[in-house]
Amino acid sequence: MTVVTPRVARARKVLTALFATACVVVFGAAVLGALYGLPGLIDEVWRLWEES
């Protein structure tokens, strides 16, 4: 069994917080991109549907 020093524990907490923040930012950007692009995509699909 390994002993985790307070310094290592603190570093792990910081890395976990940074990773969680990065995940939230990336997920938020993906959601905003999908919401921004959705109306154009629906228009394009509707146009293709009407042409066929």
PDB file of N, CA and C in Angstrom:
ATOM      1  N   MET A   1       0.845  -1.183   0.000  1.00  0.00           N
ATOM      2  CA  MET A   1       0.000   0.000   0.000  1.00  0.00           C
ATOM      3  C   MET A   1       0.891   1.247   0.000  1.00  0.00           C
ATOM      4  N   THR A   2       0.573   2.182  -0.864  1.00  0.00           N
ATOM      5  CA  THR A   2       1.399   3.390  -0.942  1.00  0.00           C
ATOM      6  C   THR A   2       0.810   4.495  -0.077  1.00  0.00           C
ATOM      7  N   VAL A   3       1.678   5.333   0.412  1.00  0.00           N
ATOM      8  CA  VAL A   3       1.261   6.466   1.235  1.00  0.00           C
ATOM      9  C   VAL A   3       1.207   7.701   0.345  1.00  0.00           C
ATOM     10  N   VAL A   4       0.095   8.393   0.375  1.00  0.00           N
ATOM     11  CA  VAL A   4      -0.075   9.596  -0.430  1.00  0.00           C
ATOM     12  C   VAL A   4       0.191  10.802   0.457  1.00  0.00           C
ATOM     13  N   THR A   5       1.177  11.569   0.070  1.00  0.00           N
ATOM     14  CA  THR A   5       1.520  12.754   0.856  1.00  0.00           C
ATOM     15  C   THR A   5       0.496  13.855   0.600  1.00  0.00           C
ATOM     16  N   PRO A   6       0.381  14.811   1.512  1.00  0.00           N
ATOM     17  CA  PRO A   6      -0.563  15.918   1.294  1.00  0.00           C
ATOM     18  C   PRO A   6      -0.296  16.689   0.004  1.00  0.00           C
ATOM     19  N   ARG A   7       0.979  16.781  -0.363  1.00  0.00           N
ATOM     20  CA  ARG A   7       1.324  17.505  -1.592  1.00  0.00           C
ATOM     21  C   ARG A   7       0.762  16.794  -2.825  1.00  0.00           C
ATOM     22  N   VAL A   8       0.894  15.480  -2.862  1.00  0.00           N
ATOM     23  CA  VAL A   8       0.378  14.686  -3.976  1.00  0.00           C
ATOM     24  C   VAL A   8      -1.145  14.737  -3.997  1.00  0.00           C
ATOM     25  N   ALA A   9      -1.766  14.639  -2.826  1.00  0.00           N
ATOM     26  CA  ALA A   9      -3.222  14.699  -2.753  1.00  0.00           C
ATOM     27  C   ALA A   9      -3.735  16.044  -3.270  1.00  0.00           C
ATOM     28  N   ARG A  10      -3.045  17.127  -2.907  1.00  0.00           N
ATOM     29  CA  ARG A  10      -3.435  18.458  -3.361  1.00  0.00           C
ATOM     30  C   ARG A  10      -3.276  18.574  -4.881  1.00  0.00           C
ATOM     31  N   ALA A  11      -2.185  18.022  -5.407  1.00  0.00           N
ATOM     32  CA  ALA A  11      -1.949  18.064  -6.854  1.00  0.00           C
ATOM     33  C   ALA A  11      -3.034  17.279  -7.595  1.00  0.00           C
ATOM     34  N   ARG A  12      -3.425  16.136  -7.042  1.00  0.00           N
ATOM     35  CA  ARG A  12      -4.492  15.347  -7.679  1.00  0.00           C
ATOM     36  C   ARG A  12      -5.812  16.098  -7.676  1.00  0.00           C
ATOM     37  N   LYS A  13      -6.107  16.793  -6.571  1.00  0.00           N
ATOM     38  CA  LYS A  13      -7.343  17.582  -6.507  1.00  0.00           C
ATOM     39  C   LYS A  13      -7.343  18.683  -7.554  1.00  0.00           C
ATOM     40  N   VAL A  14      -6.186  19.343  -7.704  1.00  0.00           N
ATOM     41  CA  VAL A  14      -6.075  20.419  -8.693  1.00  0.00           C
ATOM     42  C   VAL A  14      -6.256  19.866 -10.097  1.00  0.00           C
ATOM     43  N   LEU A  15      -5.609  18.752 -10.403  1.00  0.00           N
ATOM     44  CA  LEU A  15      -5.741  18.153 -11.731  1.00  0.00           C
ATOM     45  C   LEU A  15      -7.176  17.694 -12.003  1.00  0.00           C
ATOM     46  N   THR A  16      -7.817  17.137 -10.991  1.00  0.00           N
ATOM     47  CA  THR A  16      -9.206  16.710 -11.147  1.00  0.00           C
ATOM     48  C   THR A  16     -10.111  17.913 -11.412  1.00  0.00           C
ATOM     49  N   ALA A  17      -9.873  19.005 -10.699  1.00  0.00           N
ATOM     50  CA  ALA A  17     -10.675  20.217 -10.912  1.00  0.00           C
ATOM     51  C   ALA A  17     -10.444  20.791 -12.300  1.00  0.00           C
ATOM     52  N   LEU A  18      -9.193  20.806 -12.748  1.00  0.00           N
ATOM     53  CA  LEU A  18      -8.898  21.303 -14.095  1.00  0.00           C
ATOM     54  C   LEU A  18      -9.547  20.432 -15.161  1.00  0.00           C
ATOM     55  N   PHE A  19      -9.482  19.115 -14.972  1.00  0.00           N
ATOM     56  CA  PHE A  19     -10.094  18.198 -15.929  1.00  0.00           C
ATOM     57  C   PHE A  19     -11.616  18.391 -15.967  1.00  0.00           C
ATOM     58  N   ALA A  20     -12.231  18.538 -14.808  1.00  0.00           N
ATOM     59  CA  ALA A  20     -13.679  18.744 -14.757  1.00  0.00           C
ATOM     60  C   ALA A  20     -14.057  20.058 -15.426  1.00  0.00           C
ATOM     61  N   THR A  21     -13.277  21.109 -15.184  1.00  0.00           N
ATOM     62  CA  THR A  21     -13.544  22.400 -15.818  1.00  0.00           C
ATOM     63  C   THR A  21     -13.406  22.301 -17.330  1.00  0.00           C
ATOM     64  N   ALA A  22     -12.367  21.620 -17.789  1.00  0.00           N
ATOM     65  CA  ALA A  22     -12.168  21.454 -19.230  1.00  0.00           C
ATOM     66  C   ALA A  22     -13.326  20.676 -19.851  1.00  0.00           C
ATOM     67  N   CYS A  23     -13.795  19.659 -19.158  1.00  0.00           N
ATOM     68  CA  CYS A  23     -14.925  18.876 -19.675  1.00  0.00           C
ATOM     69  C   CYS A  23     -16.179  19.740 -19.793  1.00  0.00           C
ATOM     70  N   VAL A  24     -16.439  20.555 -18.786  1.00  0.00           N
ATOM     71  CA  VAL A  24     -17.614  21.426 -18.819  1.00  0.00           C
ATOM     72  C   VAL A  24     -17.504  22.426 -19.966  1.00  0.00           C
ATOM     73  N   VAL A  25     -16.320  23.002 -20.161  1.00  0.00           N
ATOM     74  CA  VAL A  25     -16.132  23.970 -21.238  1.00  0.00           C
ATOM     75  C   VAL A  25     -16.330  23.310 -22.603  1.00  0.00           C
ATOM     76  N   VAL A  26     -15.733  22.152 -22.804  1.00  0.00           N
ATOM     77  CA  VAL A  26     -15.856  21.454 -24.092  1.00  0.00           C
ATOM     78  C   VAL A  26     -17.299  21.031 -24.335  1.00  0.00           C
ATOM     79  N   PHE A  27     -17.957  20.481 -23.316  1.00  0.00           N
ATOM     80  CA  PHE A  27     -19.346  20.060 -23.467  1.00  0.00           C
ATOM     81  C   PHE A  27     -20.245  21.266 -23.749  1.00  0.00           C
ATOM     82  N   GLY A  28     -20.008  22.373 -23.041  1.00  0.00           N
ATOM     83  CA  GLY A  28     -20.788  23.587 -23.281  1.00  0.00           C
ATOM     84  C   GLY A  28     -20.598  24.118 -24.686  1.00  0.00           C
ATOM     85  N   ALA A  29     -19.363  24.094 -25.167  1.00  0.00           N
ATOM     86  CA  ALA A  29     -19.098  24.555 -26.538  1.00  0.00           C
ATOM     87  C   ALA A  29     -19.792  23.651 -27.559  1.00  0.00           C
ATOM     88  N   ALA A  30     -19.795  22.359 -27.306  1.00  0.00           N
ATOM     89  CA  ALA A  30     -20.468  21.427 -28.219  1.00  0.00           C
ATOM     90  C   ALA A  30     -21.967  21.676 -28.245  1.00  0.00           C
ATOM     91  N   VAL A  31     -22.555  21.917 -27.088  1.00  0.00           N
ATOM     92  CA  VAL A  31     -23.997  22.186 -27.025  1.00  0.00           C
ATOM     93  C   VAL A  31     -24.323  23.492 -27.743  1.00  0.00           C
ATOM     94  N   LEU A  32     -23.534  24.539 -27.482  1.00  0.00           N
ATOM     95  CA  LEU A  32     -23.778  25.813 -28.156  1.00  0.00           C
ATOM     96  C   LEU A  32     -23.599  25.693 -29.662  1.00  0.00           C
ATOM     97  N   GLY A  33     -22.597  24.949 -30.092  1.00  0.00           N
ATOM     98  CA  GLY A  33     -22.386  24.741 -31.527  1.00  0.00           C
ATOM     99  C   GLY A  33     -23.550  23.994 -32.156  1.00  0.00           C
ATOM    100  N   ALA A  34     -24.054  22.984 -31.450  1.00  0.00           N
ATOM    101  CA  ALA A  34     -25.201  22.232 -31.977  1.00  0.00           C
ATOM    102  C   ALA A  34     -26.441  23.120 -32.056  1.00  0.00           C
ATOM    103  N   LEU A  35     -26.673  23.913 -31.023  1.00  0.00           N
ATOM    104  CA  LEU A  35     -27.842  24.797 -31.041  1.00  0.00           C
ATOM    105  C   LEU A  35     -27.721  25.866 -32.114  1.00  0.00           C
ATOM    106  N   TYR A  36     -26.498  26.366 -32.324  1.00  0.00           N
ATOM    107  CA  TYR A  36     -26.281  27.391 -33.338  1.00  0.00           C
ATOM    108  C   TYR A  36     -26.449  26.823 -34.748  1.00  0.00           C
ATOM    109  N   GLY A  37     -25.991  25.586 -34.967  1.00  0.00           N
ATOM    110  CA  GLY A  37     -26.046  24.992 -36.294  1.00  0.00           C
ATOM    111  C   GLY A  37     -27.335  24.284 -36.609  1.00  0.00           C
ATOM    112  N   LEU A  38     -28.149  24.017 -35.609  1.00  0.00           N
ATOM    113  CA  LEU A  38     -29.369  23.234 -35.815  1.00  0.00           C
ATOM    114  C   LEU A  38     -30.358  23.864 -36.795  1.00  0.00           C
ATOM    115  N   PRO A  39     -30.676  25.165 -36.697  1.00  0.00           N
ATOM    116  CA  PRO A  39     -31.630  25.735 -37.655  1.00  0.00           C
ATOM    117  C   PRO A  39     -31.163  25.608 -39.103  1.00  0.00           C
ATOM    118  N   GLY A  40     -29.886  25.830 -39.372  1.00  0.00           N
ATOM    119  CA  GLY A  40     -29.370  25.686 -40.732  1.00  0.00           C
ATOM    120  C   GLY A  40     -29.447  24.254 -41.208  1.00  0.00           C
ATOM    121  N   LEU A  41     -29.173  23.323 -40.325  1.00  0.00           N
ATOM    122  CA  LEU A  41     -29.240  21.912 -40.682  1.00  0.00           C
ATOM    123  C   LEU A  41     -30.671  21.504 -41.003  1.00  0.00           C
ATOM    124  N   ILE A  42     -31.612  21.966 -40.200  1.00  0.00           N
ATOM    125  CA  ILE A  42     -33.024  21.645 -40.448  1.00  0.00           C
ATOM    126  C   ILE A  42     -33.467  22.229 -41.788  1.00  0.00           C
ATOM    127  N   ASP A  43     -33.045  23.467 -42.081  1.00  0.00           N
ATOM    128  CA  ASP A  43     -33.362  24.084 -43.372  1.00  0.00           C
ATOM    129  C   ASP A  43     -32.821  23.253 -44.532  1.00  0.00           C
ATOM    130  N   GLU A  44     -31.579  22.821 -44.402  1.00  0.00           N
ATOM    131  CA  GLU A  44     -30.947  22.056 -45.476  1.00  0.00           C
ATOM    132  C   GLU A  44     -31.662  20.727 -45.686  1.00  0.00           C
ATOM    133  N   VAL A  45     -31.994  20.045 -44.607  1.00  0.00           N
ATOM    134  CA  VAL A  45     -32.710  18.770 -44.716  1.00  0.00           C
ATOM    135  C   VAL A  45     -34.075  19.001 -45.346  1.00  0.00           C
ATOM    136  N   TRP A  46     -34.763  20.063 -44.968  1.00  0.00           N
ATOM    137  CA  TRP A  46     -36.082  20.366 -45.534  1.00  0.00           C
ATOM    138  C   TRP A  46     -35.982  20.626 -47.026  1.00  0.00           C
ATOM    139  N   ARG A  47     -34.932  21.397 -47.450  1.00  0.00           N
ATOM    140  CA  ARG A  47     -34.734  21.665 -48.878  1.00  0.00           C
ATOM    141  C   ARG A  47     -34.481  20.388 -49.661  1.00  0.00           C
ATOM    142  N   LEU A  48     -33.620  19.521 -49.114  1.00  0.00           N
ATOM    143  CA  LEU A  48     -33.342  18.248 -49.788  1.00  0.00           C
ATOM    144  C   LEU A  48     -34.595  17.379 -49.865  1.00  0.00           C
ATOM    145  N   TRP A  49     -35.402  17.419 -48.820  1.00  0.00           N
ATOM    146  CA  TRP A  49     -36.640  16.622 -48.801  1.00  0.00           C
ATOM    147  C   TRP A  49     -37.623  17.133 -49.860  1.00  0.00           C
ATOM    148  N   GLU A  50     -37.721  18.452 -50.025  1.00  0.00           N
ATOM    149  CA  GLU A  50     -38.639  19.021 -51.006  1.00  0.00           C
ATOM    150  C   GLU A  50     -38.176  18.752 -52.435  1.00  0.00           C
ATOM    151  N   GLU A  51     -36.845  18.702 -52.653  1.00  0.00           N
ATOM    152  CA  GLU A  51     -36.325  18.462 -53.996  1.00  0.00           C
ATOM    153  C   GLU A  51     -36.569  17.037 -54.458  1.00  0.00           C
ATOM    154  N   SER A  52     -36.585  16.093 -53.556  1.00  0.00           N
ATOM    155  CA  SER A  52     -36.729  14.694 -53.959  1.00  0.00           C
ATOM    156  C   SER A  52     -38.173  14.281 -54.117  1.00  0.00           C
TER     157      SER A  52
END
